[in-house]
Amino acid sequence: MLKLSQMTGVAVYGPKGSHGKAANTFTRVGKVHQTVFSPDGLRVVGFFVARPDIAGMVKREDAFVALDAIAPCDGGVRVTKGSESFDAAARARLGLDWDACIVWAGMDAKTTEGKVLGFVSDASFNTKTGEVESFFVGDGGMAQSLVGSVQIPASMLRGYEKGWMLVAPEAAHQQLTGGVAAKAGEGYAKAKYEGKKAAAKAGKAAGEAVDKGSKALGKQLGKTKGMFSSFMDEFKKAQE
């Protein structure tokens, strides 16, 4: 299994001359910016790739690259299906309802009973099929670094609703994973309390920045128009 965080920032190489033309040589298209999920939210279908500005000034839109059209290479990943690796051609080939596809990273999460859990910070998935194993939910700040995040099995996902990831009520009782305090074996209540104190000391601005991040990233696409060696080892291992 691979995590979204392991893909973020990875360089993507496409056919030389244009990210949509077939060729025998490759050039850098950009780097992975965000991960795109199927409308049901349970499968990774591809990635948004941030491309360099034209002449360092004119902003270009992200390119969409399908998961089934990439393979590891020296320095990152390369496309394998020519022009059908990218954008509209890739979406058509995959039969995607594009407006209903979802970017989970940064989206607020709550149970179907209304208990707020934090926001989606990561997910693990199968690189062959794209199927999600687990989502990871935390506060994205100092408290998360101390306490860790909640690992929610994909089977507990109940869908998307008005900017929220909805999960089963039992997700609120999942064990924490990662974090300094969690690794040290400290009690959850104490760690959570210390995390809140540390976050408070960081000031109001830091808290607002975290909240802004959670609102800006997670989305359903129709709603908003507009460490490498380690990675390679994990990518290859996940495909075995």
C-alpha atoms as a PDB file:
ATOM      1  CA  MET A   1       0.000   0.000   0.000  1.00  0.00           C
ATOM      2  CA  LEU A   2       1.126   3.544  -0.770  1.00  0.00           C
ATOM      3  CA  LYS A   3       0.054   6.784   0.943  1.00  0.00           C
ATOM      4  CA  LEU A   4      -1.041  10.018  -0.690  1.00  0.00           C
ATOM      5  CA  SER A   5       1.694  11.794   1.250  1.00  0.00           C
ATOM      6  CA  GLN A   6       4.285   9.625  -0.498  1.00  0.00           C
ATOM      7  CA  MET A   7       3.004  10.709  -3.898  1.00  0.00           C
ATOM      8  CA  THR A   8       2.742  14.428  -3.158  1.00  0.00           C
ATOM      9  CA  GLY A   9       5.631  16.299  -4.754  1.00  0.00           C
ATOM     10  CA  VAL A  10       6.793  13.365  -6.892  1.00  0.00           C
ATOM     11  CA  ALA A  11       8.009  14.447 -10.349  1.00  0.00           C
ATOM     12  CA  VAL A  12       5.972  13.319 -13.372  1.00  0.00           C
ATOM     13  CA  TYR A  13       7.602  12.856 -16.782  1.00  0.00           C
ATOM     14  CA  GLY A  14       5.686  12.891 -20.053  1.00  0.00           C
ATOM     15  CA  PRO A  15       6.452  12.719 -23.797  1.00  0.00           C
ATOM     16  CA  LYS A  16       8.870  15.428 -24.851  1.00  0.00           C
ATOM     17  CA  GLY A  17       7.351  18.554 -26.380  1.00  0.00           C
ATOM     18  CA  SER A  18       3.913  18.350 -24.793  1.00  0.00           C
ATOM     19  CA  HIS A  19       2.308  16.400 -21.978  1.00  0.00           C
ATOM     20  CA  GLY A  20      -0.130  14.943 -24.501  1.00  0.00           C
ATOM     21  CA  LYS A  21       2.061  13.893 -27.446  1.00  0.00           C
ATOM     22  CA  ALA A  22       3.603  10.481 -27.963  1.00  0.00           C
ATOM     23  CA  ALA A  23       7.397  10.394 -28.203  1.00  0.00           C
ATOM     24  CA  ASN A  24      10.364   8.213 -27.371  1.00  0.00           C
ATOM     25  CA  THR A  25      11.913  10.713 -24.993  1.00  0.00           C
ATOM     26  CA  PHE A  26      10.475  12.202 -21.839  1.00  0.00           C
ATOM     27  CA  THR A  27      10.567  15.568 -20.191  1.00  0.00           C
ATOM     28  CA  ARG A  28       9.304  16.751 -16.819  1.00  0.00           C
ATOM     29  CA  VAL A  29       5.620  17.702 -16.847  1.00  0.00           C
ATOM     30  CA  GLY A  30       5.488  18.846 -13.238  1.00  0.00           C
ATOM     31  CA  LYS A  31       4.937  17.310  -9.829  1.00  0.00           C
ATOM     32  CA  VAL A  32       2.017  15.602  -8.115  1.00  0.00           C
ATOM     33  CA  HIS A  33      -0.136  18.198  -6.408  1.00  0.00           C
ATOM     34  CA  GLN A  34      -3.325  16.421  -5.319  1.00  0.00           C
ATOM     35  CA  THR A  35      -4.944  12.994  -5.560  1.00  0.00           C
ATOM     36  CA  VAL A  36      -8.278  12.461  -7.320  1.00  0.00           C
ATOM     37  CA  PHE A  37     -10.767   9.817  -6.168  1.00  0.00           C
ATOM     38  CA  SER A  38     -13.698   8.159  -7.920  1.00  0.00           C
ATOM     39  CA  PRO A  39     -17.213   9.533  -7.216  1.00  0.00           C
ATOM     40  CA  ASP A  40     -17.803   6.902  -4.519  1.00  0.00           C
ATOM     41  CA  GLY A  41     -14.566   8.044  -2.854  1.00  0.00           C
ATOM     42  CA  LEU A  42     -13.192   4.530  -2.529  1.00  0.00           C
ATOM     43  CA  ARG A  43     -10.678   4.457  -5.377  1.00  0.00           C
ATOM     44  CA  VAL A  44      -7.778   6.627  -6.495  1.00  0.00           C
ATOM     45  CA  VAL A  45      -8.202   7.350 -10.214  1.00  0.00           C
ATOM     46  CA  GLY A  46      -5.304   9.734 -10.778  1.00  0.00           C
ATOM     47  CA  PHE A  47      -3.457  12.868  -9.782  1.00  0.00           C
ATOM     48  CA  PHE A  48      -3.403  16.590 -10.406  1.00  0.00           C
ATOM     49  CA  VAL A  49       0.066  17.555 -11.587  1.00  0.00           C
ATOM     50  CA  ALA A  50       1.194  21.146 -10.989  1.00  0.00           C
ATOM     51  CA  ARG A  51       2.997  22.402 -14.100  1.00  0.00           C
ATOM     52  CA  PRO A  52       5.667  25.128 -14.170  1.00  0.00           C
ATOM     53  CA  ASP A  53       4.496  28.644 -14.980  1.00  0.00           C
ATOM     54  CA  ILE A  54       5.115  29.809 -18.537  1.00  0.00           C
ATOM     55  CA  ALA A  55       8.232  32.003 -18.522  1.00  0.00           C
ATOM     56  CA  GLY A  56       7.948  31.935 -14.752  1.00  0.00           C
ATOM     57  CA  MET A  57       4.976  34.310 -14.926  1.00  0.00           C
ATOM     58  CA  VAL A  58       1.851  32.841 -16.545  1.00  0.00           C
ATOM     59  CA  LYS A  59       0.077  30.308 -14.336  1.00  0.00           C
ATOM     60  CA  ARG A  60      -0.977  27.080 -16.016  1.00  0.00           C
ATOM     61  CA  GLU A  61      -3.773  24.783 -14.896  1.00  0.00           C
ATOM     62  CA  ASP A  62      -2.899  21.455 -13.333  1.00  0.00           C
ATOM     63  CA  ALA A  63      -2.801  18.452 -15.642  1.00  0.00           C
ATOM     64  CA  PHE A  64      -4.735  15.310 -14.694  1.00  0.00           C
ATOM     65  CA  VAL A  65      -2.742  12.070 -14.985  1.00  0.00           C
ATOM     66  CA  ALA A  66      -4.476   8.701 -14.611  1.00  0.00           C
ATOM     67  CA  LEU A  67      -3.183   6.259 -11.995  1.00  0.00           C
ATOM     68  CA  ASP A  68      -3.192   3.368 -14.469  1.00  0.00           C
ATOM     69  CA  ALA A  69      -0.953   5.380 -16.826  1.00  0.00           C
ATOM     70  CA  ILE A  70       2.096   5.892 -14.624  1.00  0.00           C
ATOM     71  CA  ALA A  71       5.103   3.771 -13.719  1.00  0.00           C
ATOM     72  CA  PRO A  72       8.153   4.499 -11.549  1.00  0.00           C
ATOM     73  CA  CYS A  73      11.283   5.782 -13.293  1.00  0.00           C
ATOM     74  CA  ASP A  74      14.530   7.471 -12.352  1.00  0.00           C
ATOM     75  CA  GLY A  75      13.596  10.643 -10.513  1.00  0.00           C
ATOM     76  CA  GLY A  76       9.837  10.120 -10.295  1.00  0.00           C
ATOM     77  CA  VAL A  77       7.142   8.499 -12.423  1.00  0.00           C
ATOM     78  CA  ARG A  78       6.572   8.502 -16.193  1.00  0.00           C
ATOM     79  CA  VAL A  79       3.405   8.166 -18.224  1.00  0.00           C
ATOM     80  CA  THR A  80       2.793   4.909 -20.078  1.00  0.00           C
ATOM     81  CA  LYS A  81      -0.253   5.504 -22.283  1.00  0.00           C
ATOM     82  CA  GLY A  82       0.823   8.479 -24.387  1.00  0.00           C
ATOM     83  CA  SER A  83      -1.873  11.100 -24.887  1.00  0.00           C
ATOM     84  CA  GLU A  84      -4.447   8.853 -23.171  1.00  0.00           C
ATOM     85  CA  SER A  85      -2.525   9.301 -19.918  1.00  0.00           C
ATOM     86  CA  PHE A  86      -3.717  12.887 -19.568  1.00  0.00           C
ATOM     87  CA  ASP A  87      -6.718  15.133 -19.048  1.00  0.00           C
ATOM     88  CA  ALA A  88      -9.885  14.679 -21.133  1.00  0.00           C
ATOM     89  CA  ALA A  89      -8.541  11.645 -23.014  1.00  0.00           C
ATOM     90  CA  ALA A  90      -7.728   9.871 -19.748  1.00  0.00           C
ATOM     91  CA  ARG A  91     -11.090  10.774 -18.205  1.00  0.00           C
ATOM     92  CA  ALA A  92     -12.938   9.494 -21.274  1.00  0.00           C
ATOM     93  CA  ARG A  93     -10.925   6.279 -21.338  1.00  0.00           C
ATOM     94  CA  LEU A  94     -11.724   5.663 -17.667  1.00  0.00           C
ATOM     95  CA  GLY A  95     -15.391   6.612 -18.108  1.00  0.00           C
ATOM     96  CA  LEU A  96     -15.244   9.063 -15.210  1.00  0.00           C
ATOM     97  CA  ASP A  97     -18.098  11.295 -14.106  1.00  0.00           C
ATOM     98  CA  TRP A  98     -15.574  14.086 -13.643  1.00  0.00           C
ATOM     99  CA  ASP A  99     -17.748  16.567 -11.762  1.00  0.00           C
ATOM    100  CA  ALA A 100     -18.562  13.905  -9.192  1.00  0.00           C
ATOM    101  CA  CYS A 101     -14.918  12.914  -8.584  1.00  0.00           C
ATOM    102  CA  ILE A 102     -13.512  13.937  -5.208  1.00  0.00           C
ATOM    103  CA  VAL A 103     -10.331  15.338  -3.694  1.00  0.00           C
ATOM    104  CA  TRP A 104     -10.453  14.047  -0.120  1.00  0.00           C
ATOM    105  CA  ALA A 105      -7.206  15.571   1.173  1.00  0.00           C
ATOM    106  CA  GLY A 106      -8.036  18.500   3.447  1.00  0.00           C
ATOM    107  CA  MET A 107     -11.779  17.788   3.588  1.00  0.00           C
ATOM    108  CA  ASP A 108     -13.482  17.932   6.981  1.00  0.00           C
ATOM    109  CA  ALA A 109     -14.724  14.575   8.255  1.00  0.00           C
ATOM    110  CA  LYS A 110     -17.598  13.723  10.571  1.00  0.00           C
ATOM    111  CA  THR A 111     -19.697  10.711  11.456  1.00  0.00           C
ATOM    112  CA  THR A 112     -23.214  10.255  10.117  1.00  0.00           C
ATOM    113  CA  GLU A 113     -24.352  11.184  13.635  1.00  0.00           C
ATOM    114  CA  GLY A 114     -22.616  14.569  13.339  1.00  0.00           C
ATOM    115  CA  LYS A 115     -19.483  14.061  15.453  1.00  0.00           C
ATOM    116  CA  VAL A 116     -16.642  16.098  13.916  1.00  0.00           C
ATOM    117  CA  LEU A 117     -13.376  14.145  13.690  1.00  0.00           C
ATOM    118  CA  GLY A 118     -10.985  16.623  12.038  1.00  0.00           C
ATOM    119  CA  PHE A 119      -9.963  16.627   8.401  1.00  0.00           C
ATOM    120  CA  VAL A 120      -8.506  14.091   6.019  1.00  0.00           C
ATOM    121  CA  SER A 121      -4.717  14.261   6.167  1.00  0.00           C
ATOM    122  CA  ASP A 122      -3.790  11.094   4.244  1.00  0.00           C
ATOM    123  CA  ALA A 123      -4.966   7.776   2.803  1.00  0.00           C
ATOM    124  CA  SER A 124      -3.372   4.459   1.891  1.00  0.00           C
ATOM    125  CA  PHE A 125      -4.239   2.781  -1.409  1.00  0.00           C
ATOM    126  CA  ASN A 126      -3.366  -0.077  -3.761  1.00  0.00           C
ATOM    127  CA  THR A 127      -1.252   1.247  -6.642  1.00  0.00           C
ATOM    128  CA  LYS A 128      -2.585  -1.370  -9.076  1.00  0.00           C
ATOM    129  CA  THR A 129      -6.304  -1.023  -8.481  1.00  0.00           C
ATOM    130  CA  GLY A 130      -6.455   2.349  -6.747  1.00  0.00           C
ATOM    131  CA  GLU A 131      -8.632   0.859  -4.013  1.00  0.00           C
ATOM    132  CA  VAL A 132      -8.359   2.701  -0.702  1.00  0.00           C
ATOM    133  CA  GLU A 133      -7.376   0.722   2.371  1.00  0.00           C
ATOM    134  CA  SER A 134      -7.676   3.456   5.013  1.00  0.00           C
ATOM    135  CA  PHE A 135      -8.163   7.178   5.486  1.00  0.00           C
ATOM    136  CA  PHE A 136      -6.247   9.133   8.131  1.00  0.00           C
ATOM    137  CA  VAL A 137      -7.992  11.998   9.921  1.00  0.00           C
ATOM    138  CA  GLY A 138      -6.383  14.535  12.241  1.00  0.00           C
ATOM    139  CA  ASP A 139      -6.259  18.256  12.999  1.00  0.00           C
ATOM    140  CA  GLY A 140      -3.208  18.892  10.835  1.00  0.00           C
ATOM    141  CA  GLY A 141      -1.492  20.893  13.573  1.00  0.00           C
ATOM    142  CA  MET A 142       0.635  20.434  16.660  1.00  0.00           C
ATOM    143  CA  ALA A 143      -1.965  18.286  18.372  1.00  0.00           C
ATOM    144  CA  GLN A 144      -1.746  15.797  15.507  1.00  0.00           C
ATOM    145  CA  SER A 145       2.049  15.716  15.708  1.00  0.00           C
ATOM    146  CA  LEU A 146       1.714  14.788  19.380  1.00  0.00           C
ATOM    147  CA  VAL A 147      -1.308  12.538  19.376  1.00  0.00           C
ATOM    148  CA  GLY A 148      -1.337  11.205  15.827  1.00  0.00           C
ATOM    149  CA  SER A 149      -4.287  10.721  13.507  1.00  0.00           C
ATOM    150  CA  VAL A 150      -7.292   8.428  13.474  1.00  0.00           C
ATOM    151  CA  GLN A 151      -7.041   5.584  10.960  1.00  0.00           C
ATOM    152  CA  ILE A 152     -10.442   4.907   9.401  1.00  0.00           C
ATOM    153  CA  PRO A 153     -10.918   1.775   7.254  1.00  0.00           C
ATOM    154  CA  ALA A 154     -12.397   2.474   3.828  1.00  0.00           C
ATOM    155  CA  SER A 155     -15.305   0.196   4.769  1.00  0.00           C
ATOM    156  CA  MET A 156     -16.460   2.895   7.206  1.00  0.00           C
ATOM    157  CA  LEU A 157     -16.808   5.556   4.502  1.00  0.00           C
ATOM    158  CA  ARG A 158     -20.434   6.536   3.990  1.00  0.00           C
ATOM    159  CA  GLY A 159     -19.969   9.168   1.280  1.00  0.00           C
ATOM    160  CA  TYR A 160     -19.715  12.870   0.578  1.00  0.00           C
ATOM    161  CA  GLU A 161     -22.196  15.537   1.634  1.00  0.00           C
ATOM    162  CA  LYS A 162     -21.954  19.328   1.311  1.00  0.00           C
ATOM    163  CA  GLY A 163     -18.196  19.583   1.780  1.00  0.00           C
ATOM    164  CA  TRP A 164     -17.923  16.802   4.358  1.00  0.00           C
ATOM    165  CA  MET A 165     -16.585  13.267   4.321  1.00  0.00           C
ATOM    166  CA  LEU A 166     -19.185  11.133   6.109  1.00  0.00           C
ATOM    167  CA  VAL A 167     -18.079   8.037   7.997  1.00  0.00           C
ATOM    168  CA  ALA A 168     -19.765   5.436  10.167  1.00  0.00           C
ATOM    169  CA  PRO A 169     -20.342   6.336  13.864  1.00  0.00           C
ATOM    170  CA  GLU A 170     -17.858   3.682  14.987  1.00  0.00           C
ATOM    171  CA  ALA A 171     -15.055   5.622  13.261  1.00  0.00           C
ATOM    172  CA  ALA A 172     -15.094   7.962  16.271  1.00  0.00           C
ATOM    173  CA  HIS A 173     -13.742   5.088  18.380  1.00  0.00           C
ATOM    174  CA  GLN A 174     -10.836   4.116  16.128  1.00  0.00           C
ATOM    175  CA  GLN A 175      -7.345   3.973  17.632  1.00  0.00           C
ATOM    176  CA  LEU A 176      -4.817   6.737  17.014  1.00  0.00           C
ATOM    177  CA  THR A 177      -1.820   5.993  14.840  1.00  0.00           C
ATOM    178  CA  GLY A 178       1.511   7.852  14.653  1.00  0.00           C
ATOM    179  CA  GLY A 179       2.382  10.969  16.609  1.00  0.00           C
ATOM    180  CA  VAL A 180       5.038  11.463  19.241  1.00  0.00           C
ATOM    181  CA  ALA A 181       2.788  10.713  22.186  1.00  0.00           C
ATOM    182  CA  ALA A 182       1.153   7.718  20.520  1.00  0.00           C
ATOM    183  CA  LYS A 183       4.548   6.194  19.765  1.00  0.00           C
ATOM    184  CA  ALA A 184       5.677   6.806  23.314  1.00  0.00           C
ATOM    185  CA  GLY A 185       2.623   4.968  24.609  1.00  0.00           C
ATOM    186  CA  GLU A 186       1.166   7.883  26.568  1.00  0.00           C
ATOM    187  CA  GLY A 187      -2.536   7.987  27.384  1.00  0.00           C
ATOM    188  CA  TYR A 188      -4.854   9.564  24.839  1.00  0.00           C
ATOM    189  CA  ALA A 189      -6.448  12.063  27.226  1.00  0.00           C
ATOM    190  CA  LYS A 190      -3.119  13.428  28.469  1.00  0.00           C
ATOM    191  CA  ALA A 191      -1.671  13.635  24.982  1.00  0.00           C
ATOM    192  CA  LYS A 192      -4.733  15.392  23.634  1.00  0.00           C
ATOM    193  CA  TYR A 193      -4.590  17.916  26.482  1.00  0.00           C
ATOM    194  CA  GLU A 194      -0.908  18.624  25.920  1.00  0.00           C
ATOM    195  CA  GLY A 195      -1.522  18.900  22.190  1.00  0.00           C
ATOM    196  CA  LYS A 196      -4.196  21.527  22.732  1.00  0.00           C
ATOM    197  CA  LYS A 197      -1.892  23.540  25.001  1.00  0.00           C
ATOM    198  CA  ALA A 198       0.904  23.414  22.439  1.00  0.00           C
ATOM    199  CA  ALA A 199      -1.429  24.450  19.646  1.00  0.00           C
ATOM    200  CA  ALA A 200      -2.753  27.340  21.719  1.00  0.00           C
ATOM    201  CA  LYS A 201       0.770  28.650  22.242  1.00  0.00           C
ATOM    202  CA  ALA A 202       1.286  28.719  18.496  1.00  0.00           C
ATOM    203  CA  GLY A 203      -1.231  31.557  18.345  1.00  0.00           C
ATOM    204  CA  LYS A 204      -4.503  32.312  16.648  1.00  0.00           C
ATOM    205  CA  ALA A 205      -2.896  32.850  13.226  1.00  0.00           C
ATOM    206  CA  ALA A 206      -1.614  29.282  13.079  1.00  0.00           C
ATOM    207  CA  GLY A 207      -5.027  27.916  13.940  1.00  0.00           C
ATOM    208  CA  GLU A 208      -6.661  30.025  11.247  1.00  0.00           C
ATOM    209  CA  ALA A 209      -4.122  28.816   8.712  1.00  0.00           C
ATOM    210  CA  VAL A 210      -4.915  25.175   9.522  1.00  0.00           C
ATOM    211  CA  ASP A 211      -8.642  25.838   9.239  1.00  0.00           C
ATOM    212  CA  LYS A 212      -8.177  27.665   5.956  1.00  0.00           C
ATOM    213  CA  GLY A 213      -6.195  24.731   4.624  1.00  0.00           C
ATOM    214  CA  SER A 214      -8.930  22.267   5.469  1.00  0.00           C
ATOM    215  CA  LYS A 215     -11.519  24.348   3.645  1.00  0.00           C
ATOM    216  CA  ALA A 216      -9.389  24.997   0.569  1.00  0.00           C
ATOM    217  CA  LEU A 217      -8.168  21.502  -0.257  1.00  0.00           C
ATOM    218  CA  GLY A 218     -10.875  18.869   0.128  1.00  0.00           C
ATOM    219  CA  LYS A 219     -13.591  19.160  -2.485  1.00  0.00           C
ATOM    220  CA  GLN A 220     -15.824  17.499  -5.006  1.00  0.00           C
ATOM    221  CA  LEU A 221     -14.527  18.594  -8.391  1.00  0.00           C
ATOM    222  CA  GLY A 222     -17.886  19.744  -9.730  1.00  0.00           C
ATOM    223  CA  LYS A 223     -18.172  22.196  -6.833  1.00  0.00           C
ATOM    224  CA  THR A 224     -15.005  24.151  -7.641  1.00  0.00           C
ATOM    225  CA  LYS A 225     -14.251  25.181 -11.184  1.00  0.00           C
ATOM    226  CA  GLY A 226     -11.771  27.173 -12.004  1.00  0.00           C
ATOM    227  CA  MET A 227      12.607  11.185  -0.241  1.00  0.00           C
ATOM    228  CA  PHE A 228      12.431   9.667  -3.738  1.00  0.00           C
ATOM    229  CA  SER A 229      14.289   6.357  -3.281  1.00  0.00           C
ATOM    230  CA  SER A 230      11.918   5.521  -0.449  1.00  0.00           C
ATOM    231  CA  PHE A 231       8.958   6.392  -2.662  1.00  0.00           C
ATOM    232  CA  MET A 232      10.196   4.146  -5.499  1.00  0.00           C
ATOM    233  CA  ASP A 233      10.735   1.218  -3.140  1.00  0.00           C
ATOM    234  CA  GLU A 234       7.245   1.631  -1.710  1.00  0.00           C
ATOM    235  CA  PHE A 235       5.666   2.068  -5.143  1.00  0.00           C
ATOM    236  CA  LYS A 236       7.267  -1.112  -6.489  1.00  0.00           C
ATOM    237  CA  LYS A 237       6.515  -3.019  -3.293  1.00  0.00           C
ATOM    238  CA  ALA A 238       2.868  -1.971  -3.451  1.00  0.00           C
ATOM    239  CA  GLN A 239       2.572  -3.370  -6.978  1.00  0.00           C
ATOM    240  CA  GLU A 240       3.869  -6.847  -6.045  1.00  0.00           C
END
